[in-house]
């Protein structure tokens, strides 16, 4: 499974770590639009990184990301997200 950004509009784009191994905090923040980040698990065993304050900021629901989220039925994901392997986060 590729490391990718899933945008609110459903588009996906590859987003590999700059060093080829793992993401540094500035890269994670840039991927989701800045601010504080949150790390959650996906149904397929990857990690999802949304903006932790996205709901407070009024970001729209991201249906594709919500469908991947372990608790998506109870807690929708908002804003653009990064989805990657656990080993890619330092």
PDB file of N, CA and C in Angstrom:
ATOM      1  N   UNK A   1       0.845  -1.181   0.000  1.00  0.00           N
ATOM      2  CA  UNK A   1       0.000   0.000   0.000  1.00  0.00           C
ATOM      3  C   UNK A   1       0.893   1.248   0.000  1.00  0.00           C
ATOM      4  N   UNK A   2       0.579   2.187  -0.848  1.00  0.00           N
ATOM      5  CA  UNK A   2       1.434   3.375  -0.945  1.00  0.00           C
ATOM      6  C   UNK A   2       1.176   4.377   0.180  1.00  0.00           C
ATOM      7  N   UNK A   3       2.193   5.174   0.459  1.00  0.00           N
ATOM      8  CA  UNK A   3       2.010   6.320   1.348  1.00  0.00           C
ATOM      9  C   UNK A   3       1.354   7.400   0.504  1.00  0.00           C
ATOM     10  N   UNK A   4       0.266   7.968   1.013  1.00  0.00           N
ATOM     11  CA  UNK A   4      -0.490   8.906   0.193  1.00  0.00           C
ATOM     12  C   UNK A   4      -1.236   9.921   1.034  1.00  0.00           C
ATOM     13  N   UNK A   5      -1.532  11.034   0.390  1.00  0.00           N
ATOM     14  CA  UNK A   5      -2.436  12.016   0.981  1.00  0.00           C
ATOM     15  C   UNK A   5      -3.808  11.747   0.387  1.00  0.00           C
ATOM     16  N   UNK A   6      -4.814  11.678   1.255  1.00  0.00           N
ATOM     17  CA  UNK A   6      -6.200  11.546   0.797  1.00  0.00           C
ATOM     18  C   UNK A   6      -6.874  12.888   1.072  1.00  0.00           C
ATOM     19  N   UNK A   7      -7.257  13.558   0.018  1.00  0.00           N
ATOM     20  CA  UNK A   7      -7.879  14.882   0.135  1.00  0.00           C
ATOM     21  C   UNK A   7      -9.388  14.744   0.372  1.00  0.00           C
ATOM     22  N   UNK A   8      -9.972  15.800   0.873  1.00  0.00           N
ATOM     23  CA  UNK A   8     -11.409  15.825   1.170  1.00  0.00           C
ATOM     24  C   UNK A   8     -12.240  15.517  -0.072  1.00  0.00           C
ATOM     25  N   UNK A   9     -11.757  15.942  -1.232  1.00  0.00           N
ATOM     26  CA  UNK A   9     -12.514  15.707  -2.464  1.00  0.00           C
ATOM     27  C   UNK A   9     -12.347  14.284  -3.005  1.00  0.00           C
ATOM     28  N   UNK A  10     -11.600  13.435  -2.272  1.00  0.00           N
ATOM     29  CA  UNK A  10     -11.433  12.043  -2.672  1.00  0.00           C
ATOM     30  C   UNK A  10     -10.200  11.778  -3.512  1.00  0.00           C
ATOM     31  N   UNK A  11      -9.518  12.815  -3.946  1.00  0.00           N
ATOM     32  CA  UNK A  11      -8.304  12.591  -4.730  1.00  0.00           C
ATOM     33  C   UNK A  11      -7.190  12.093  -3.819  1.00  0.00           C
ATOM     34  N   UNK A  12      -6.296  11.329  -4.408  1.00  0.00           N
ATOM     35  CA  UNK A  12      -5.169  10.755  -3.678  1.00  0.00           C
ATOM     36  C   UNK A  12      -3.897  11.099  -4.425  1.00  0.00           C
ATOM     37  N   UNK A  13      -2.858  11.391  -3.672  1.00  0.00           N
ATOM     38  CA  UNK A  13      -1.575  11.654  -4.309  1.00  0.00           C
ATOM     39  C   UNK A  13      -0.460  11.006  -3.502  1.00  0.00           C
ATOM     40  N   UNK A  14       0.505  10.442  -4.189  1.00  0.00           N
ATOM     41  CA  UNK A  14       1.630   9.825  -3.477  1.00  0.00           C
ATOM     42  C   UNK A  14       2.357  10.884  -2.643  1.00  0.00           C
ATOM     43  N   UNK A  15       2.835  10.484  -1.481  1.00  0.00           N
ATOM     44  CA  UNK A  15       3.551  11.403  -0.595  1.00  0.00           C
ATOM     45  C   UNK A  15       4.629  10.614   0.141  1.00  0.00           C
ATOM     46  N   UNK A  16       5.705  10.285  -0.568  1.00  0.00           N
ATOM     47  CA  UNK A  16       6.783   9.523   0.083  1.00  0.00           C
ATOM     48  C   UNK A  16       7.594  10.420   1.020  1.00  0.00           C
ATOM     49  N   UNK A  17       8.223   9.848   2.050  1.00  0.00           N
ATOM     50  CA  UNK A  17       9.087  10.637   2.930  1.00  0.00           C
ATOM     51  C   UNK A  17      10.260  11.215   2.139  1.00  0.00           C
ATOM     52  N   UNK A  18      10.640  12.442   2.458  1.00  0.00           N
ATOM     53  CA  UNK A  18      11.737  13.086   1.727  1.00  0.00           C
ATOM     54  C   UNK A  18      13.038  12.309   1.828  1.00  0.00           C
ATOM     55  N   UNK A  19      13.289  11.685   2.979  1.00  0.00           N
ATOM     56  CA  UNK A  19      14.544  10.949   3.137  1.00  0.00           C
ATOM     57  C   UNK A  19      14.428   9.495   2.678  1.00  0.00           C
ATOM     58  N   UNK A  20      13.238   9.108   2.195  1.00  0.00           N
ATOM     59  CA  UNK A  20      13.033   7.759   1.692  1.00  0.00           C
ATOM     60  C   UNK A  20      12.713   6.714   2.743  1.00  0.00           C
ATOM     61  N   UNK A  21      12.730   7.082   4.036  1.00  0.00           N
ATOM     62  CA  UNK A  21      12.495   6.114   5.115  1.00  0.00           C
ATOM     63  C   UNK A  21      11.324   6.490   6.017  1.00  0.00           C
ATOM     64  N   UNK A  22      11.418   7.687   6.620  1.00  0.00           N
ATOM     65  CA  UNK A  22      10.406   8.075   7.603  1.00  0.00           C
ATOM     66  C   UNK A  22      10.144   9.573   7.545  1.00  0.00           C
ATOM     67  N   UNK A  23       8.952   9.933   8.007  1.00  0.00           N
ATOM     68  CA  UNK A  23       8.532  11.331   7.999  1.00  0.00           C
ATOM     69  C   UNK A  23       9.031  12.034   9.252  1.00  0.00           C
ATOM     70  N   UNK A  24       9.438  13.265   9.082  1.00  0.00           N
ATOM     71  CA  UNK A  24       9.769  14.136  10.208  1.00  0.00           C
ATOM     72  C   UNK A  24       8.517  14.977  10.499  1.00  0.00           C
ATOM     73  N   UNK A  25       8.435  15.522  11.694  1.00  0.00           N
ATOM     74  CA  UNK A  25       7.236  16.271  12.096  1.00  0.00           C
ATOM     75  C   UNK A  25       6.850  17.370  11.103  1.00  0.00           C
ATOM     76  N   UNK A  26       7.785  18.173  10.601  1.00  0.00           N
ATOM     77  CA  UNK A  26       7.365  19.202   9.631  1.00  0.00           C
ATOM     78  C   UNK A  26       6.692  18.630   8.383  1.00  0.00           C
ATOM     79  N   UNK A  27       7.144  17.467   7.917  1.00  0.00           N
ATOM     80  CA  UNK A  27       6.512  16.828   6.755  1.00  0.00           C
ATOM     81  C   UNK A  27       5.087  16.391   7.071  1.00  0.00           C
ATOM     82  N   UNK A  28       4.892  15.845   8.272  1.00  0.00           N
ATOM     83  CA  UNK A  28       3.557  15.401   8.673  1.00  0.00           C
ATOM     84  C   UNK A  28       2.613  16.588   8.746  1.00  0.00           C
ATOM     85  N   UNK A  29       3.085  17.677   9.356  1.00  0.00           N
ATOM     86  CA  UNK A  29       2.245  18.875   9.466  1.00  0.00           C
ATOM     87  C   UNK A  29       1.899  19.434   8.099  1.00  0.00           C
ATOM     88  N   UNK A  30       2.886  19.498   7.206  1.00  0.00           N
ATOM     89  CA  UNK A  30       2.653  20.020   5.862  1.00  0.00           C
ATOM     90  C   UNK A  30       1.613  19.186   5.123  1.00  0.00           C
ATOM     91  N   UNK A  31       1.658  17.880   5.299  1.00  0.00           N
ATOM     92  CA  UNK A  31       0.736  16.980   4.597  1.00  0.00           C
ATOM     93  C   UNK A  31      -0.719  17.244   4.950  1.00  0.00           C
ATOM     94  N   UNK A  32      -0.984  17.665   6.186  1.00  0.00           N
ATOM     95  CA  UNK A  32      -2.365  17.859   6.630  1.00  0.00           C
ATOM     96  C   UNK A  32      -2.738  19.330   6.804  1.00  0.00           C
ATOM     97  N   UNK A  33      -1.875  20.230   6.376  1.00  0.00           N
ATOM     98  CA  UNK A  33      -2.217  21.647   6.401  1.00  0.00           C
ATOM     99  C   UNK A  33      -1.720  22.404   7.613  1.00  0.00           C
ATOM    100  N   UNK A  34      -0.791  21.837   8.375  1.00  0.00           N
ATOM    101  CA  UNK A  34      -0.226  22.542   9.519  1.00  0.00           C
ATOM    102  C   UNK A  34      -0.980  22.247  10.803  1.00  0.00           C
ATOM    103  N   UNK A  35      -0.545  22.856  11.874  1.00  0.00           N
ATOM    104  CA  UNK A  35      -1.188  22.674  13.164  1.00  0.00           C
ATOM    105  C   UNK A  35      -0.774  21.393  13.855  1.00  0.00           C
ATOM    106  N   UNK A  36      -1.536  21.041  14.868  1.00  0.00           N
ATOM    107  CA  UNK A  36      -1.270  19.821  15.617  1.00  0.00           C
ATOM    108  C   UNK A  36      -1.720  18.619  14.803  1.00  0.00           C
ATOM    109  N   UNK A  37      -1.013  17.514  14.973  1.00  0.00           N
ATOM    110  CA  UNK A  37      -1.398  16.301  14.262  1.00  0.00           C
ATOM    111  C   UNK A  37      -1.865  15.236  15.244  1.00  0.00           C
ATOM    112  N   UNK A  38      -2.576  14.285  14.716  1.00  0.00           N
ATOM    113  CA  UNK A  38      -3.059  13.137  15.474  1.00  0.00           C
ATOM    114  C   UNK A  38      -2.650  11.900  14.680  1.00  0.00           C
ATOM    115  N   UNK A  39      -2.379  10.807  15.353  1.00  0.00           N
ATOM    116  CA  UNK A  39      -2.045   9.558  14.670  1.00  0.00           C
ATOM    117  C   UNK A  39      -3.073   8.514  15.083  1.00  0.00           C
ATOM    118  N   UNK A  40      -3.767   7.941  14.087  1.00  0.00           N
ATOM    119  CA  UNK A  40      -4.804   6.936  14.351  1.00  0.00           C
ATOM    120  C   UNK A  40      -4.574   5.729  13.450  1.00  0.00           C
ATOM    121  N   UNK A  41      -5.177   4.621  13.799  1.00  0.00           N
ATOM    122  CA  UNK A  41      -5.034   3.382  13.020  1.00  0.00           C
ATOM    123  C   UNK A  41      -6.126   3.288  11.966  1.00  0.00           C
ATOM    124  N   UNK A  42      -5.755   2.624  10.860  1.00  0.00           N
ATOM    125  CA  UNK A  42      -6.732   2.380   9.802  1.00  0.00           C
ATOM    126  C   UNK A  42      -7.165   0.914   9.840  1.00  0.00           C
ATOM    127  N   UNK A  43      -8.237   0.613   9.151  1.00  0.00           N
ATOM    128  CA  UNK A  43      -8.747  -0.757   9.094  1.00  0.00           C
ATOM    129  C   UNK A  43      -7.789  -1.711   8.381  1.00  0.00           C
ATOM    130  N   UNK A  44      -6.948  -1.173   7.491  1.00  0.00           N
ATOM    131  CA  UNK A  44      -6.024  -2.029   6.745  1.00  0.00           C
ATOM    132  C   UNK A  44      -4.630  -2.102   7.378  1.00  0.00           C
ATOM    133  N   UNK A  45      -4.499  -1.634   8.636  1.00  0.00           N
ATOM    134  CA  UNK A  45      -3.245  -1.778   9.368  1.00  0.00           C
ATOM    135  C   UNK A  45      -2.246  -0.659   9.181  1.00  0.00           C
ATOM    136  N   UNK A  46      -2.626   0.381   8.439  1.00  0.00           N
ATOM    137  CA  UNK A  46      -1.726   1.523   8.282  1.00  0.00           C
ATOM    138  C   UNK A  46      -2.000   2.566   9.366  1.00  0.00           C
ATOM    139  N   UNK A  47      -1.310   3.678   9.259  1.00  0.00           N
ATOM    140  CA  UNK A  47      -1.465   4.807  10.170  1.00  0.00           C
ATOM    141  C   UNK A  47      -2.040   5.972   9.367  1.00  0.00           C
ATOM    142  N   UNK A  48      -2.960   6.714   9.989  1.00  0.00           N
ATOM    143  CA  UNK A  48      -3.531   7.904   9.368  1.00  0.00           C
ATOM    144  C   UNK A  48      -3.181   9.113  10.226  1.00  0.00           C
ATOM    145  N   UNK A  49      -2.791  10.198   9.558  1.00  0.00           N
ATOM    146  CA  UNK A  49      -2.413  11.417  10.261  1.00  0.00           C
ATOM    147  C   UNK A  49      -3.334  12.552   9.819  1.00  0.00           C
ATOM    148  N   UNK A  50      -4.355  12.878  10.635  1.00  0.00           N
ATOM    149  CA  UNK A  50      -5.186  14.051  10.362  1.00  0.00           C
ATOM    150  C   UNK A  50      -4.757  15.225  11.248  1.00  0.00           C
ATOM    151  N   UNK A  51      -5.310  16.405  10.974  1.00  0.00           N
ATOM    152  CA  UNK A  51      -5.119  17.564  11.841  1.00  0.00           C
ATOM    153  C   UNK A  51      -5.956  17.324  13.097  1.00  0.00           C
ATOM    154  N   UNK A  52      -5.320  17.368  14.252  1.00  0.00           N
ATOM    155  CA  UNK A  52      -6.011  17.066  15.508  1.00  0.00           C
ATOM    156  C   UNK A  52      -7.147  18.045  15.802  1.00  0.00           C
ATOM    157  N   UNK A  53      -7.026  19.269  15.345  1.00  0.00           N
ATOM    158  CA  UNK A  53      -8.048  20.286  15.617  1.00  0.00           C
ATOM    159  C   UNK A  53      -8.951  20.547  14.412  1.00  0.00           C
ATOM    160  N   UNK A  54      -8.956  19.620  13.455  1.00  0.00           N
ATOM    161  CA  UNK A  54      -9.724  19.815  12.236  1.00  0.00           C
ATOM    162  C   UNK A  54     -11.204  20.084  12.465  1.00  0.00           C
ATOM    163  N   UNK A  55     -11.800  19.385  13.400  1.00  0.00           N
ATOM    164  CA  UNK A  55     -13.234  19.604  13.675  1.00  0.00           C
ATOM    165  C   UNK A  55     -13.467  20.986  14.265  1.00  0.00           C
ATOM    166  N   UNK A  56     -12.574  21.422  15.160  1.00  0.00           N
ATOM    167  CA  UNK A  56     -12.687  22.759  15.748  1.00  0.00           C
ATOM    168  C   UNK A  56     -12.504  23.853  14.693  1.00  0.00           C
ATOM    169  N   UNK A  57     -11.681  23.562  13.699  1.00  0.00           N
ATOM    170  CA  UNK A  57     -11.409  24.520  12.628  1.00  0.00           C
ATOM    171  C   UNK A  57     -12.489  24.498  11.552  1.00  0.00           C
ATOM    172  N   UNK A  58     -13.428  23.564  11.657  1.00  0.00           N
ATOM    173  CA  UNK A  58     -14.523  23.476  10.699  1.00  0.00           C
ATOM    174  C   UNK A  58     -14.167  22.818   9.383  1.00  0.00           C
ATOM    175  N   UNK A  59     -13.143  21.962   9.375  1.00  0.00           N
ATOM    176  CA  UNK A  59     -12.774  21.254   8.152  1.00  0.00           C
ATOM    177  C   UNK A  59     -13.919  20.334   7.738  1.00  0.00           C
ATOM    178  N   UNK A  60     -14.119  20.153   6.436  1.00  0.00           N
ATOM    179  CA  UNK A  60     -15.178  19.251   5.970  1.00  0.00           C
ATOM    180  C   UNK A  60     -14.812  17.780   6.198  1.00  0.00           C
ATOM    181  N   UNK A  61     -15.834  16.949   6.270  1.00  0.00           N
ATOM    182  CA  UNK A  61     -15.639  15.505   6.434  1.00  0.00           C
ATOM    183  C   UNK A  61     -14.915  14.957   5.205  1.00  0.00           C
ATOM    184  N   UNK A  62     -14.001  14.034   5.453  1.00  0.00           N
ATOM    185  CA  UNK A  62     -13.268  13.345   4.394  1.00  0.00           C
ATOM    186  C   UNK A  62     -13.839  11.927   4.321  1.00  0.00           C
ATOM    187  N   UNK A  63     -14.793  11.685   3.415  1.00  0.00           N
ATOM    188  CA  UNK A  63     -15.453  10.371   3.366  1.00  0.00           C
ATOM    189  C   UNK A  63     -14.497   9.201   3.116  1.00  0.00           C
ATOM    190  N   UNK A  64     -13.526   9.358   2.233  1.00  0.00           N
ATOM    191  CA  UNK A  64     -12.600   8.266   1.932  1.00  0.00           C
ATOM    192  C   UNK A  64     -11.741   7.933   3.147  1.00  0.00           C
ATOM    193  N   UNK A  65     -11.269   8.946   3.857  1.00  0.00           N
ATOM    194  CA  UNK A  65     -10.456   8.720   5.058  1.00  0.00           C
ATOM    195  C   UNK A  65     -11.311   8.139   6.176  1.00  0.00           C
ATOM    196  N   UNK A  66     -12.527   8.618   6.320  1.00  0.00           N
ATOM    197  CA  UNK A  66     -13.426   8.101   7.351  1.00  0.00           C
ATOM    198  C   UNK A  66     -13.695   6.617   7.134  1.00  0.00           C
ATOM    199  N   UNK A  67     -13.840   6.199   5.878  1.00  0.00           N
ATOM    200  CA  UNK A  67     -14.087   4.784   5.565  1.00  0.00           C
ATOM    201  C   UNK A  67     -12.898   3.898   5.954  1.00  0.00           C
ATOM    202  N   UNK A  68     -11.696   4.465   6.000  1.00  0.00           N
ATOM    203  CA  UNK A  68     -10.504   3.705   6.384  1.00  0.00           C
ATOM    204  C   UNK A  68     -10.274   3.671   7.891  1.00  0.00           C
ATOM    205  N   UNK A  69     -10.877   4.614   8.613  1.00  0.00           N
ATOM    206  CA  UNK A  69     -10.614   4.786  10.038  1.00  0.00           C
ATOM    207  C   UNK A  69     -11.291   3.700  10.865  1.00  0.00           C
ATOM    208  N   UNK A  70     -10.577   3.177  11.841  1.00  0.00           N
ATOM    209  CA  UNK A  70     -11.085   2.110  12.705  1.00  0.00           C
ATOM    210  C   UNK A  70     -12.399   2.515  13.384  1.00  0.00           C
ATOM    211  N   UNK A  71     -12.510   3.770  13.802  1.00  0.00           N
ATOM    212  CA  UNK A  71     -13.707   4.236  14.506  1.00  0.00           C
ATOM    213  C   UNK A  71     -14.542   5.183  13.635  1.00  0.00           C
ATOM    214  N   UNK A  72     -14.439   5.028  12.310  1.00  0.00           N
ATOM    215  CA  UNK A  72     -15.093   5.933  11.379  1.00  0.00           C
ATOM    216  C   UNK A  72     -16.601   6.045  11.527  1.00  0.00           C
ATOM    217  N   UNK A  73     -17.261   4.978  11.948  1.00  0.00           N
ATOM    218  CA  UNK A  73     -18.716   5.050  12.121  1.00  0.00           C
ATOM    219  C   UNK A  73     -19.104   5.962  13.269  1.00  0.00           C
ATOM    220  N   UNK A  74     -18.244   6.087  14.260  1.00  0.00           N
ATOM    221  CA  UNK A  74     -18.535   6.907  15.433  1.00  0.00           C
ATOM    222  C   UNK A  74     -17.885   8.270  15.394  1.00  0.00           C
ATOM    223  N   UNK A  75     -16.780   8.411  14.654  1.00  0.00           N
ATOM    224  CA  UNK A  75     -15.974   9.616  14.699  1.00  0.00           C
ATOM    225  C   UNK A  75     -15.408   9.900  13.312  1.00  0.00           C
ATOM    226  N   UNK A  76     -16.105  10.704  12.503  1.00  0.00           N
ATOM    227  CA  UNK A  76     -15.629  10.946  11.147  1.00  0.00           C
ATOM    228  C   UNK A  76     -14.301  11.706  11.118  1.00  0.00           C
ATOM    229  N   UNK A  77     -13.515  11.443  10.087  1.00  0.00           N
ATOM    230  CA  UNK A  77     -12.253  12.136   9.856  1.00  0.00           C
ATOM    231  C   UNK A  77     -12.543  13.371   9.007  1.00  0.00           C
ATOM    232  N   UNK A  78     -11.914  14.481   9.350  1.00  0.00           N
ATOM    233  CA  UNK A  78     -12.104  15.718   8.594  1.00  0.00           C
ATOM    234  C   UNK A  78     -10.772  16.203   8.036  1.00  0.00           C
ATOM    235  N   UNK A  79     -10.858  16.934   6.953  1.00  0.00           N
ATOM    236  CA  UNK A  79      -9.665  17.510   6.337  1.00  0.00           C
ATOM    237  C   UNK A  79      -8.851  16.495   5.559  1.00  0.00           C
ATOM    238  N   UNK A  80      -7.780  16.996   4.960  1.00  0.00           N
ATOM    239  CA  UNK A  80      -6.855  16.129   4.235  1.00  0.00           C
ATOM    240  C   UNK A  80      -6.045  15.329   5.238  1.00  0.00           C
ATOM    241  N   UNK A  81      -5.670  14.107   4.869  1.00  0.00           N
ATOM    242  CA  UNK A  81      -4.912  13.226   5.766  1.00  0.00           C
ATOM    243  C   UNK A  81      -3.752  12.577   5.021  1.00  0.00           C
ATOM    244  N   UNK A  82      -2.768  12.167   5.779  1.00  0.00           N
ATOM    245  CA  UNK A  82      -1.686  11.333   5.269  1.00  0.00           C
ATOM    246  C   UNK A  82      -1.941   9.922   5.761  1.00  0.00           C
ATOM    247  N   UNK A  83      -1.821   8.945   4.866  1.00  0.00           N
ATOM    248  CA  UNK A  83      -1.935   7.542   5.247  1.00  0.00           C
ATOM    249  C   UNK A  83      -0.612   6.880   4.873  1.00  0.00           C
ATOM    250  N   UNK A  84      -0.006   6.183   5.848  1.00  0.00           N
ATOM    251  CA  UNK A  84       1.303   5.568   5.617  1.00  0.00           C
ATOM    252  C   UNK A  84       1.478   4.342   6.507  1.00  0.00           C
ATOM    253  N   UNK A  85       2.598   3.683   6.340  1.00  0.00           N
ATOM    254  CA  UNK A  85       2.944   2.545   7.195  1.00  0.00           C
ATOM    255  C   UNK A  85       3.449   3.061   8.541  1.00  0.00           C
ATOM    256  N   UNK A  86       3.207   2.300   9.577  1.00  0.00           N
ATOM    257  CA  UNK A  86       3.663   2.646  10.927  1.00  0.00           C
ATOM    258  C   UNK A  86       5.165   2.906  10.951  1.00  0.00           C
ATOM    259  N   UNK A  87       5.937   2.121  10.217  1.00  0.00           N
ATOM    260  CA  UNK A  87       7.399   2.239  10.218  1.00  0.00           C
ATOM    261  C   UNK A  87       7.873   3.552   9.597  1.00  0.00           C
ATOM    262  N   UNK A  88       6.976   4.273   8.916  1.00  0.00           N
ATOM    263  CA  UNK A  88       7.358   5.521   8.266  1.00  0.00           C
ATOM    264  C   UNK A  88       7.240   6.746   9.161  1.00  0.00           C
ATOM    265  N   UNK A  89       6.805   6.550  10.398  1.00  0.00           N
ATOM    266  CA  UNK A  89       6.720   7.670  11.333  1.00  0.00           C
ATOM    267  C   UNK A  89       7.765   7.478  12.408  1.00  0.00           C
ATOM    268  N   UNK A  90       8.637   8.464  12.501  1.00  0.00           N
ATOM    269  CA  UNK A  90       9.726   8.378  13.465  1.00  0.00           C
ATOM    270  C   UNK A  90       9.241   8.663  14.864  1.00  0.00           C
TER     271      UNK A  90
END
